[in-house]
């Protein structure tokens, strides 16, 4: 069974892939840049939560 922390890591990786694809194929519009930054923010937050949960789990 997949744990919650692995789901956070997968969410971060999918967000990075979506942001990369939008950056490659998208034009330079402000709205598209905001969406790309939103996906990058999701990736940063979910990967940071994964690191925190992984280190807390190691300390137990």
PDB file of N, CA and C in Angstrom:
ATOM      1  N   UNK A   1       0.841  -1.181   0.000  1.00  0.00           N
ATOM      2  CA  UNK A   1       0.000   0.000   0.000  1.00  0.00           C
ATOM      3  C   UNK A   1       0.886   1.244   0.000  1.00  0.00           C
ATOM      4  N   UNK A   2       0.512   2.212  -0.791  1.00  0.00           N
ATOM      5  CA  UNK A   2       1.290   3.441  -0.903  1.00  0.00           C
ATOM      6  C   UNK A   2       0.953   4.343   0.273  1.00  0.00           C
ATOM      7  N   UNK A   3       1.979   4.878   0.895  1.00  0.00           N
ATOM      8  CA  UNK A   3       1.761   5.760   2.038  1.00  0.00           C
ATOM      9  C   UNK A   3       1.505   7.179   1.572  1.00  0.00           C
ATOM     10  N   UNK A   4       1.087   8.008   2.521  1.00  0.00           N
ATOM     11  CA  UNK A   4       0.750   9.391   2.202  1.00  0.00           C
ATOM     12  C   UNK A   4       1.969  10.155   1.708  1.00  0.00           C
ATOM     13  N   UNK A   5       3.119   9.884   2.267  1.00  0.00           N
ATOM     14  CA  UNK A   5       4.294  10.660   1.869  1.00  0.00           C
ATOM     15  C   UNK A   5       4.729  10.348   0.437  1.00  0.00           C
ATOM     16  N   UNK A   6       4.527   9.111  -0.021  1.00  0.00           N
ATOM     17  CA  UNK A   6       4.848   8.809  -1.410  1.00  0.00           C
ATOM     18  C   UNK A   6       3.864   9.485  -2.364  1.00  0.00           C
ATOM     19  N   UNK A   7       2.612   9.638  -1.938  1.00  0.00           N
ATOM     20  CA  UNK A   7       1.639  10.362  -2.751  1.00  0.00           C
ATOM     21  C   UNK A   7       2.043  11.818  -2.920  1.00  0.00           C
ATOM     22  N   UNK A   8       2.618  12.415  -1.887  1.00  0.00           N
ATOM     23  CA  UNK A   8       3.095  13.795  -1.988  1.00  0.00           C
ATOM     24  C   UNK A   8       4.234  13.909  -2.989  1.00  0.00           C
ATOM     25  N   UNK A   9       5.107  12.930  -2.986  1.00  0.00           N
ATOM     26  CA  UNK A   9       6.225  12.937  -3.929  1.00  0.00           C
ATOM     27  C   UNK A   9       5.732  12.786  -5.365  1.00  0.00           C
ATOM     28  N   UNK A  10       4.764  11.922  -5.578  1.00  0.00           N
ATOM     29  CA  UNK A  10       4.194  11.733  -6.914  1.00  0.00           C
ATOM     30  C   UNK A  10       3.479  12.996  -7.378  1.00  0.00           C
ATOM     31  N   UNK A  11       2.742  13.639  -6.484  1.00  0.00           N
ATOM     32  CA  UNK A  11       2.067  14.889  -6.825  1.00  0.00           C
ATOM     33  C   UNK A  11       3.067  15.955  -7.240  1.00  0.00           C
ATOM     34  N   UNK A  12       4.182  16.046  -6.538  1.00  0.00           N
ATOM     35  CA  UNK A  12       5.218  17.013  -6.889  1.00  0.00           C
ATOM     36  C   UNK A  12       5.838  16.737  -8.243  1.00  0.00           C
ATOM     37  N   UNK A  13       6.084  15.470  -8.534  1.00  0.00           N
ATOM     38  CA  UNK A  13       6.676  15.118  -9.825  1.00  0.00           C
ATOM     39  C   UNK A  13       5.705  15.378 -10.974  1.00  0.00           C
ATOM     40  N   UNK A  14       4.429  15.032 -10.786  1.00  0.00           N
ATOM     41  CA  UNK A  14       3.437  15.318 -11.827  1.00  0.00           C
ATOM     42  C   UNK A  14       3.291  16.817 -12.060  1.00  0.00           C
ATOM     43  N   UNK A  15       3.342  17.598 -10.987  1.00  0.00           N
ATOM     44  CA  UNK A  15       3.232  19.047 -11.133  1.00  0.00           C
ATOM     45  C   UNK A  15       4.420  19.615 -11.904  1.00  0.00           C
ATOM     46  N   UNK A  16       5.614  19.094 -11.638  1.00  0.00           N
ATOM     47  CA  UNK A  16       6.783  19.543 -12.382  1.00  0.00           C
ATOM     48  C   UNK A  16       6.695  19.168 -13.858  1.00  0.00           C
ATOM     49  N   UNK A  17       6.187  17.967 -14.134  1.00  0.00           N
ATOM     50  CA  UNK A  17       6.049  17.538 -15.529  1.00  0.00           C
ATOM     51  C   UNK A  17       5.034  18.413 -16.260  1.00  0.00           C
ATOM     52  N   UNK A  18       3.907  18.704 -15.618  1.00  0.00           N
ATOM     53  CA  UNK A  18       2.889  19.553 -16.248  1.00  0.00           C
ATOM     54  C   UNK A  18       3.435  20.951 -16.497  1.00  0.00           C
ATOM     55  N   UNK A  19       4.149  21.517 -15.519  1.00  0.00           N
ATOM     56  CA  UNK A  19       4.714  22.850 -15.686  1.00  0.00           C
ATOM     57  C   UNK A  19       5.742  22.868 -16.812  1.00  0.00           C
ATOM     58  N   UNK A  20       6.540  21.821 -16.915  1.00  0.00           N
ATOM     59  CA  UNK A  20       7.542  21.748 -17.976  1.00  0.00           C
ATOM     60  C   UNK A  20       6.888  21.646 -19.349  1.00  0.00           C
ATOM     61  N   UNK A  21       5.850  20.822 -19.464  1.00  0.00           N
ATOM     62  CA  UNK A  21       5.157  20.678 -20.750  1.00  0.00           C
ATOM     63  C   UNK A  21       4.470  21.983 -21.137  1.00  0.00           C
ATOM     64  N   UNK A  22       3.828  22.650 -20.194  1.00  0.00           N
ATOM     65  CA  UNK A  22       3.187  23.929 -20.500  1.00  0.00           C
ATOM     66  C   UNK A  22       4.214  24.976 -20.919  1.00  0.00           C
ATOM     67  N   UNK A  23       5.370  24.940 -20.310  1.00  0.00           N
ATOM     68  CA  UNK A  23       6.419  25.898 -20.672  1.00  0.00           C
ATOM     69  C   UNK A  23       6.963  25.620 -22.068  1.00  0.00           C
ATOM     70  N   UNK A  24       7.078  24.357 -22.421  1.00  0.00           N
ATOM     71  CA  UNK A  24       7.615  24.006 -23.739  1.00  0.00           C
ATOM     72  C   UNK A  24       6.654  24.373 -24.869  1.00  0.00           C
ATOM     73  N   UNK A  25       5.386  24.048 -24.689  1.00  0.00           N
ATOM     74  CA  UNK A  25       4.444  24.178 -25.787  1.00  0.00           C
ATOM     75  C   UNK A  25       3.577  25.433 -25.707  1.00  0.00           C
ATOM     76  N   UNK A  26       3.662  26.173 -24.623  1.00  0.00           N
ATOM     77  CA  UNK A  26       2.810  27.339 -24.460  1.00  0.00           C
ATOM     78  C   UNK A  26       3.455  28.612 -24.985  1.00  0.00           C
ATOM     79  N   UNK A  27       2.615  29.536 -25.367  1.00  0.00           N
ATOM     80  CA  UNK A  27       3.091  30.856 -25.766  1.00  0.00           C
ATOM     81  C   UNK A  27       3.389  31.673 -24.505  1.00  0.00           C
ATOM     82  N   UNK A  28       3.887  32.848 -24.686  1.00  0.00           N
ATOM     83  CA  UNK A  28       4.267  33.690 -23.558  1.00  0.00           C
ATOM     84  C   UNK A  28       3.097  34.600 -23.163  1.00  0.00           C
ATOM     85  N   UNK A  29       2.106  34.011 -22.504  1.00  0.00           N
ATOM     86  CA  UNK A  29       0.970  34.764 -21.996  1.00  0.00           C
ATOM     87  C   UNK A  29       1.057  34.856 -20.478  1.00  0.00           C
ATOM     88  N   UNK A  30       0.513  35.926 -19.934  1.00  0.00           N
ATOM     89  CA  UNK A  30       0.565  36.122 -18.486  1.00  0.00           C
ATOM     90  C   UNK A  30      -0.250  35.048 -17.775  1.00  0.00           C
ATOM     91  N   UNK A  31      -1.427  34.734 -18.312  1.00  0.00           N
ATOM     92  CA  UNK A  31      -2.276  33.725 -17.683  1.00  0.00           C
ATOM     93  C   UNK A  31      -1.587  32.361 -17.651  1.00  0.00           C
ATOM     94  N   UNK A  32      -0.926  31.993 -18.715  1.00  0.00           N
ATOM     95  CA  UNK A  32      -0.217  30.713 -18.768  1.00  0.00           C
ATOM     96  C   UNK A  32       0.963  30.715 -17.801  1.00  0.00           C
ATOM     97  N   UNK A  33       1.649  31.839 -17.672  1.00  0.00           N
ATOM     98  CA  UNK A  33       2.748  31.925 -16.708  1.00  0.00           C
ATOM     99  C   UNK A  33       2.255  31.765 -15.277  1.00  0.00           C
ATOM    100  N   UNK A  34       1.071  32.285 -14.985  1.00  0.00           N
ATOM    101  CA  UNK A  34       0.497  32.129 -13.646  1.00  0.00           C
ATOM    102  C   UNK A  34       0.171  30.670 -13.375  1.00  0.00           C
ATOM    103  N   UNK A  35      -0.360  29.973 -14.372  1.00  0.00           N
ATOM    104  CA  UNK A  35      -0.666  28.548 -14.207  1.00  0.00           C
ATOM    105  C   UNK A  35       0.613  27.744 -14.001  1.00  0.00           C
ATOM    106  N   UNK A  36       1.662  28.076 -14.754  1.00  0.00           N
ATOM    107  CA  UNK A  36       2.942  27.381 -14.596  1.00  0.00           C
ATOM    108  C   UNK A  36       3.510  27.621 -13.202  1.00  0.00           C
ATOM    109  N   UNK A  37       3.443  28.849 -12.721  1.00  0.00           N
ATOM    110  CA  UNK A  37       3.919  29.145 -11.368  1.00  0.00           C
ATOM    111  C   UNK A  37       3.086  28.433 -10.310  1.00  0.00           C
ATOM    112  N   UNK A  38       1.785  28.275 -10.559  1.00  0.00           N
ATOM    113  CA  UNK A  38       0.927  27.542  -9.640  1.00  0.00           C
ATOM    114  C   UNK A  38       1.378  26.083  -9.536  1.00  0.00           C
ATOM    115  N   UNK A  39       1.646  25.444 -10.675  1.00  0.00           N
ATOM    116  CA  UNK A  39       2.109  24.057 -10.643  1.00  0.00           C
ATOM    117  C   UNK A  39       3.493  23.941 -10.011  1.00  0.00           C
ATOM    118  N   UNK A  40       4.355  24.902 -10.234  1.00  0.00           N
ATOM    119  CA  UNK A  40       5.659  24.888  -9.568  1.00  0.00           C
ATOM    120  C   UNK A  40       5.511  25.048  -8.058  1.00  0.00           C
ATOM    121  N   UNK A  41       4.585  25.882  -7.635  1.00  0.00           N
ATOM    122  CA  UNK A  41       4.321  26.045  -6.206  1.00  0.00           C
ATOM    123  C   UNK A  41       3.800  24.770  -5.576  1.00  0.00           C
ATOM    124  N   UNK A  42       2.905  24.076  -6.270  1.00  0.00           N
ATOM    125  CA  UNK A  42       2.409  22.792  -5.771  1.00  0.00           C
ATOM    126  C   UNK A  42       3.557  21.802  -5.636  1.00  0.00           C
ATOM    127  N   UNK A  43       4.443  21.777  -6.623  1.00  0.00           N
ATOM    128  CA  UNK A  43       5.578  20.851  -6.583  1.00  0.00           C
ATOM    129  C   UNK A  43       6.505  21.161  -5.412  1.00  0.00           C
ATOM    130  N   UNK A  44       6.792  22.422  -5.186  1.00  0.00           N
ATOM    131  CA  UNK A  44       7.691  22.802  -4.090  1.00  0.00           C
ATOM    132  C   UNK A  44       7.081  22.452  -2.742  1.00  0.00           C
ATOM    133  N   UNK A  45       5.804  22.772  -2.567  1.00  0.00           N
ATOM    134  CA  UNK A  45       5.151  22.512  -1.285  1.00  0.00           C
ATOM    135  C   UNK A  45       5.025  21.014  -1.021  1.00  0.00           C
ATOM    136  N   UNK A  46       4.620  20.249  -2.020  1.00  0.00           N
ATOM    137  CA  UNK A  46       4.446  18.811  -1.796  1.00  0.00           C
ATOM    138  C   UNK A  46       5.781  18.110  -1.571  1.00  0.00           C
ATOM    139  N   UNK A  47       6.828  18.518  -2.282  1.00  0.00           N
ATOM    140  CA  UNK A  47       8.142  17.912  -2.049  1.00  0.00           C
ATOM    141  C   UNK A  47       8.720  18.311  -0.697  1.00  0.00           C
ATOM    142  N   UNK A  48       8.450  19.530  -0.256  1.00  0.00           N
ATOM    143  CA  UNK A  48       8.909  19.951   1.076  1.00  0.00           C
ATOM    144  C   UNK A  48       8.184  19.157   2.164  1.00  0.00           C
ATOM    145  N   UNK A  49       6.884  18.943   1.991  1.00  0.00           N
ATOM    146  CA  UNK A  49       6.141  18.141   2.966  1.00  0.00           C
ATOM    147  C   UNK A  49       6.647  16.702   2.979  1.00  0.00           C
ATOM    148  N   UNK A  50       7.024  16.179   1.800  1.00  0.00           N
ATOM    149  CA  UNK A  50       7.580  14.827   1.743  1.00  0.00           C
ATOM    150  C   UNK A  50       8.885  14.740   2.534  1.00  0.00           C
ATOM    151  N   UNK A  51       9.746  15.728   2.363  1.00  0.00           N
ATOM    152  CA  UNK A  51      11.024  15.725   3.091  1.00  0.00           C
ATOM    153  C   UNK A  51      10.785  15.788   4.592  1.00  0.00           C
ATOM    154  N   UNK A  52       9.848  16.614   5.021  1.00  0.00           N
ATOM    155  CA  UNK A  52       9.549  16.732   6.453  1.00  0.00           C
ATOM    156  C   UNK A  52       8.997  15.425   6.991  1.00  0.00           C
ATOM    157  N   UNK A  53       8.041  14.822   6.290  1.00  0.00           N
ATOM    158  CA  UNK A  53       7.471  13.565   6.748  1.00  0.00           C
ATOM    159  C   UNK A  53       8.501  12.442   6.746  1.00  0.00           C
ATOM    160  N   UNK A  54       9.397  12.434   5.785  1.00  0.00           N
ATOM    161  CA  UNK A  54      10.418  11.393   5.715  1.00  0.00           C
ATOM    162  C   UNK A  54      11.415  11.512   6.875  1.00  0.00           C
ATOM    163  N   UNK A  55      11.792  12.743   7.205  1.00  0.00           N
ATOM    164  CA  UNK A  55      12.737  12.917   8.317  1.00  0.00           C
ATOM    165  C   UNK A  55      12.079  12.647   9.666  1.00  0.00           C
ATOM    166  N   UNK A  56      10.816  13.002   9.813  1.00  0.00           N
ATOM    167  CA  UNK A  56      10.109  12.714  11.061  1.00  0.00           C
ATOM    168  C   UNK A  56       9.942  11.201  11.219  1.00  0.00           C
ATOM    169  N   UNK A  57       9.677  10.507  10.119  1.00  0.00           N
ATOM    170  CA  UNK A  57       9.514   9.056  10.159  1.00  0.00           C
ATOM    171  C   UNK A  57      10.836   8.378  10.514  1.00  0.00           C
ATOM    172  N   UNK A  58      11.960   8.914  10.062  1.00  0.00           N
ATOM    173  CA  UNK A  58      13.262   8.330  10.391  1.00  0.00           C
ATOM    174  C   UNK A  58      13.593   8.494  11.873  1.00  0.00           C
ATOM    175  N   UNK A  59      13.162   9.608  12.488  1.00  0.00           N
ATOM    176  CA  UNK A  59      13.471   9.872  13.887  1.00  0.00           C
ATOM    177  C   UNK A  59      12.702   8.962  14.831  1.00  0.00           C
ATOM    178  N   UNK A  60      11.586   8.409  14.376  1.00  0.00           N
ATOM    179  CA  UNK A  60      10.771   7.542  15.254  1.00  0.00           C
ATOM    180  C   UNK A  60      11.394   6.226  15.478  1.00  0.00           C
TER     181      UNK A  60
END
